[in-house]
Amino acid sequence: MKEQKRILIGRVLSNRMDKTVVVQVERTKRHQLYGKVITTRKKYKAHDAENACQIGDLVKITESRPLSREKRWLVTDILETA
């Protein structure tokens, strides 16, 4: 059976590179001992073939094969424009 590819939703931080955007994904989780809600942020480089994304857009990214040294994600949808 084929593996399910991971899908993440985040905001575009940078679109300066050609056909590449930097997407910041925020997750909330509880601290294991104290129970406080913590927001964690992580940046992913994603492939944007048409250079359609602008800074501040909300996008959906999907896991893919390695496209370069740091790019392992594809922009599939632009959910909300800035």
N, C-alpha and C. Protein backbone atom coordinates (compact mmCIF):
# COMPACT_ATOMS: atom_id res chain seq x y z
N MET A 1 0.83 -1.18 0.00
CA MET A 1 0.00 0.00 0.00
C MET A 1 0.88 1.25 0.00
N LYS A 2 0.48 2.28 -0.74
CA LYS A 2 1.25 3.50 -0.87
C LYS A 2 1.10 4.37 0.38
N GLU A 3 2.23 5.01 0.77
CA GLU A 3 2.20 5.88 1.94
C GLU A 3 1.44 7.16 1.67
N GLN A 4 0.79 7.69 2.71
CA GLN A 4 0.09 8.96 2.63
C GLN A 4 1.10 10.09 2.76
N LYS A 5 1.10 11.05 1.83
CA LYS A 5 2.03 12.17 1.90
C LYS A 5 1.52 13.19 2.92
N ARG A 6 2.47 13.80 3.65
CA ARG A 6 2.10 14.79 4.65
C ARG A 6 1.66 16.08 3.99
N ILE A 7 0.67 16.74 4.57
CA ILE A 7 0.16 18.02 4.08
C ILE A 7 0.22 19.01 5.23
N LEU A 8 0.79 20.19 4.97
CA LEU A 8 0.88 21.24 5.98
C LEU A 8 0.31 22.53 5.43
N ILE A 9 -0.13 23.41 6.34
CA ILE A 9 -0.66 24.72 5.96
C ILE A 9 0.15 25.79 6.69
N GLY A 10 0.61 26.80 5.94
CA GLY A 10 1.42 27.84 6.55
C GLY A 10 1.42 29.12 5.74
N ARG A 11 2.13 30.12 6.26
CA ARG A 11 2.22 31.44 5.61
C ARG A 11 3.56 31.58 4.89
N VAL A 12 3.52 32.28 3.75
CA VAL A 12 4.73 32.53 2.97
C VAL A 12 5.51 33.68 3.62
N LEU A 13 6.78 33.41 3.95
CA LEU A 13 7.63 34.44 4.54
C LEU A 13 8.49 35.12 3.50
N SER A 14 8.92 34.37 2.48
CA SER A 14 9.83 34.92 1.48
C SER A 14 9.56 34.28 0.13
N ASN A 15 9.66 35.10 -0.93
CA ASN A 15 9.52 34.58 -2.29
C ASN A 15 10.64 35.13 -3.18
N ARG A 16 11.78 35.44 -2.60
CA ARG A 16 12.89 36.06 -3.33
C ARG A 16 13.57 35.09 -4.29
N MET A 17 13.56 33.81 -3.97
CA MET A 17 14.23 32.83 -4.83
C MET A 17 13.35 32.48 -6.02
N ASP A 18 13.96 32.04 -7.10
CA ASP A 18 13.21 31.67 -8.29
C ASP A 18 12.58 30.30 -8.08
N LYS A 19 11.25 30.23 -8.22
CA LYS A 19 10.46 29.01 -8.09
C LYS A 19 10.55 28.37 -6.71
N THR A 20 10.88 29.15 -5.69
CA THR A 20 10.97 28.65 -4.32
C THR A 20 10.38 29.67 -3.37
N VAL A 21 9.62 29.18 -2.39
CA VAL A 21 9.10 30.04 -1.33
C VAL A 21 9.46 29.44 0.02
N VAL A 22 9.58 30.29 1.03
CA VAL A 22 9.81 29.84 2.39
C VAL A 22 8.48 29.95 3.12
N VAL A 23 8.01 28.82 3.66
CA VAL A 23 6.70 28.76 4.32
C VAL A 23 6.92 28.48 5.80
N GLN A 24 6.27 29.30 6.66
CA GLN A 24 6.35 29.09 8.10
C GLN A 24 5.08 28.39 8.57
N VAL A 25 5.25 27.25 9.23
CA VAL A 25 4.12 26.46 9.73
C VAL A 25 4.11 26.58 11.25
N GLU A 26 2.95 26.95 11.82
CA GLU A 26 2.79 27.07 13.27
C GLU A 26 2.00 25.90 13.79
N ARG A 27 2.49 25.34 14.90
CA ARG A 27 1.77 24.25 15.56
C ARG A 27 1.63 24.62 17.04
N THR A 28 0.53 24.22 17.65
CA THR A 28 0.37 24.41 19.08
C THR A 28 0.38 23.05 19.75
N LYS A 29 1.12 22.97 20.86
CA LYS A 29 1.16 21.73 21.62
C LYS A 29 1.26 22.06 23.10
N ARG A 30 0.92 21.10 23.93
CA ARG A 30 1.00 21.29 25.37
C ARG A 30 2.35 20.84 25.89
N HIS A 31 2.87 21.59 26.86
CA HIS A 31 4.10 21.20 27.52
C HIS A 31 3.84 19.91 28.29
N GLN A 32 4.79 18.99 28.19
CA GLN A 32 4.58 17.66 28.74
C GLN A 32 4.39 17.67 30.26
N LEU A 33 5.15 18.50 30.97
CA LEU A 33 5.09 18.51 32.43
C LEU A 33 4.13 19.57 32.96
N TYR A 34 4.21 20.80 32.42
CA TYR A 34 3.48 21.92 33.00
C TYR A 34 2.12 22.17 32.37
N GLY A 35 1.87 21.63 31.20
CA GLY A 35 0.55 21.76 30.59
C GLY A 35 0.32 23.08 29.86
N LYS A 36 1.32 23.97 29.83
CA LYS A 36 1.16 25.25 29.14
C LYS A 36 1.12 25.02 27.63
N VAL A 37 0.28 25.79 26.94
CA VAL A 37 0.19 25.68 25.49
C VAL A 37 1.34 26.47 24.86
N ILE A 38 2.13 25.79 24.02
CA ILE A 38 3.31 26.39 23.40
C ILE A 38 3.11 26.40 21.89
N THR A 39 3.46 27.52 21.26
CA THR A 39 3.41 27.62 19.80
C THR A 39 4.80 27.36 19.25
N THR A 40 4.90 26.36 18.36
CA THR A 40 6.18 26.08 17.72
C THR A 40 6.07 26.49 16.26
N ARG A 41 7.15 27.06 15.73
CA ARG A 41 7.18 27.50 14.34
C ARG A 41 8.34 26.82 13.64
N LYS A 42 8.11 26.41 12.39
CA LYS A 42 9.17 25.81 11.59
C LYS A 42 9.06 26.31 10.17
N LYS A 43 10.22 26.51 9.54
CA LYS A 43 10.25 27.01 8.16
C LYS A 43 10.56 25.87 7.21
N TYR A 44 9.85 25.83 6.09
CA TYR A 44 10.06 24.85 5.05
C TYR A 44 10.26 25.57 3.73
N LYS A 45 11.18 25.07 2.89
CA LYS A 45 11.33 25.59 1.53
C LYS A 45 10.47 24.74 0.63
N ALA A 46 9.62 25.39 -0.18
CA ALA A 46 8.67 24.67 -1.03
C ALA A 46 8.81 25.15 -2.47
N HIS A 47 8.54 24.24 -3.40
CA HIS A 47 8.65 24.52 -4.84
C HIS A 47 7.37 25.20 -5.32
N ASP A 48 7.52 26.37 -5.93
CA ASP A 48 6.41 27.13 -6.49
C ASP A 48 6.71 27.34 -7.97
N ALA A 49 6.23 26.44 -8.83
CA ALA A 49 6.63 26.39 -10.24
C ALA A 49 6.28 27.66 -11.00
N GLU A 50 5.11 28.26 -10.72
CA GLU A 50 4.67 29.44 -11.49
C GLU A 50 5.05 30.76 -10.83
N ASN A 51 5.78 30.74 -9.71
CA ASN A 51 6.08 31.96 -8.94
C ASN A 51 4.81 32.73 -8.62
N ALA A 52 3.76 32.01 -8.20
CA ALA A 52 2.45 32.61 -7.96
C ALA A 52 2.29 33.14 -6.54
N CYS A 53 3.07 32.64 -5.60
CA CYS A 53 2.90 33.01 -4.19
C CYS A 53 3.50 34.36 -3.89
N GLN A 54 2.82 35.12 -3.04
CA GLN A 54 3.31 36.40 -2.55
C GLN A 54 3.51 36.30 -1.04
N ILE A 55 4.27 37.23 -0.48
CA ILE A 55 4.53 37.23 0.95
C ILE A 55 3.22 37.44 1.70
N GLY A 56 2.96 36.60 2.70
CA GLY A 56 1.74 36.69 3.50
C GLY A 56 0.63 35.77 3.06
N ASP A 57 0.77 35.10 1.92
CA ASP A 57 -0.26 34.16 1.45
C ASP A 57 -0.32 32.94 2.37
N LEU A 58 -1.52 32.40 2.53
CA LEU A 58 -1.72 31.15 3.26
C LEU A 58 -1.73 30.03 2.22
N VAL A 59 -0.81 29.08 2.34
CA VAL A 59 -0.65 28.05 1.31
C VAL A 59 -0.70 26.66 1.93
N LYS A 60 -1.04 25.68 1.08
CA LYS A 60 -1.01 24.28 1.45
C LYS A 60 0.19 23.65 0.76
N ILE A 61 1.07 22.99 1.53
CA ILE A 61 2.24 22.34 0.95
C ILE A 61 2.17 20.84 1.18
N THR A 62 2.70 20.08 0.21
CA THR A 62 2.66 18.63 0.25
C THR A 62 4.08 18.08 0.15
N GLU A 63 4.35 17.05 0.90
CA GLU A 63 5.65 16.41 0.89
C GLU A 63 5.93 15.77 -0.48
N SER A 64 7.18 15.86 -0.94
CA SER A 64 7.52 15.28 -2.24
C SER A 64 8.94 14.73 -2.18
N ARG A 65 9.42 14.27 -3.32
CA ARG A 65 10.80 13.79 -3.39
C ARG A 65 11.74 14.98 -3.26
N PRO A 66 13.00 14.76 -2.93
CA PRO A 66 13.95 15.89 -2.84
C PRO A 66 14.13 16.58 -4.19
N LEU A 67 13.88 17.90 -4.21
CA LEU A 67 14.02 18.68 -5.43
C LEU A 67 15.35 19.43 -5.47
N SER A 68 15.92 19.70 -4.31
CA SER A 68 17.25 20.31 -4.20
C SER A 68 17.78 19.94 -2.82
N ARG A 69 18.84 20.62 -2.40
CA ARG A 69 19.45 20.25 -1.11
C ARG A 69 18.49 20.44 0.06
N GLU A 70 17.66 21.48 0.02
CA GLU A 70 16.76 21.76 1.14
C GLU A 70 15.28 21.70 0.78
N LYS A 71 14.94 21.58 -0.49
CA LYS A 71 13.53 21.60 -0.92
C LYS A 71 12.98 20.19 -0.98
N ARG A 72 11.95 19.92 -0.13
CA ARG A 72 11.27 18.63 -0.14
C ARG A 72 9.75 18.78 -0.12
N TRP A 73 9.26 19.97 -0.45
CA TRP A 73 7.83 20.26 -0.39
C TRP A 73 7.38 20.94 -1.68
N LEU A 74 6.10 20.76 -2.03
CA LEU A 74 5.49 21.40 -3.20
C LEU A 74 4.31 22.25 -2.75
N VAL A 75 4.17 23.45 -3.32
CA VAL A 75 2.99 24.27 -3.04
C VAL A 75 1.86 23.71 -3.91
N THR A 76 0.79 23.23 -3.25
CA THR A 76 -0.33 22.66 -4.00
C THR A 76 -1.48 23.65 -4.18
N ASP A 77 -1.78 24.44 -3.15
CA ASP A 77 -2.90 25.40 -3.21
C ASP A 77 -2.52 26.69 -2.51
N ILE A 78 -3.06 27.80 -3.04
CA ILE A 78 -3.01 29.07 -2.34
C ILE A 78 -4.40 29.26 -1.73
N LEU A 79 -4.50 29.12 -0.42
CA LEU A 79 -5.78 29.15 0.27
C LEU A 79 -6.30 30.57 0.46
N GLU A 80 -5.39 31.52 0.70
CA GLU A 80 -5.79 32.90 0.99
C GLU A 80 -4.66 33.80 0.53
N THR A 81 -5.01 34.87 -0.19
CA THR A 81 -3.99 35.80 -0.64
C THR A 81 -3.80 36.92 0.38
N ALA A 82 -2.62 37.51 0.39
CA ALA A 82 -2.29 38.53 1.39
C ALA A 82 -2.99 39.84 1.07
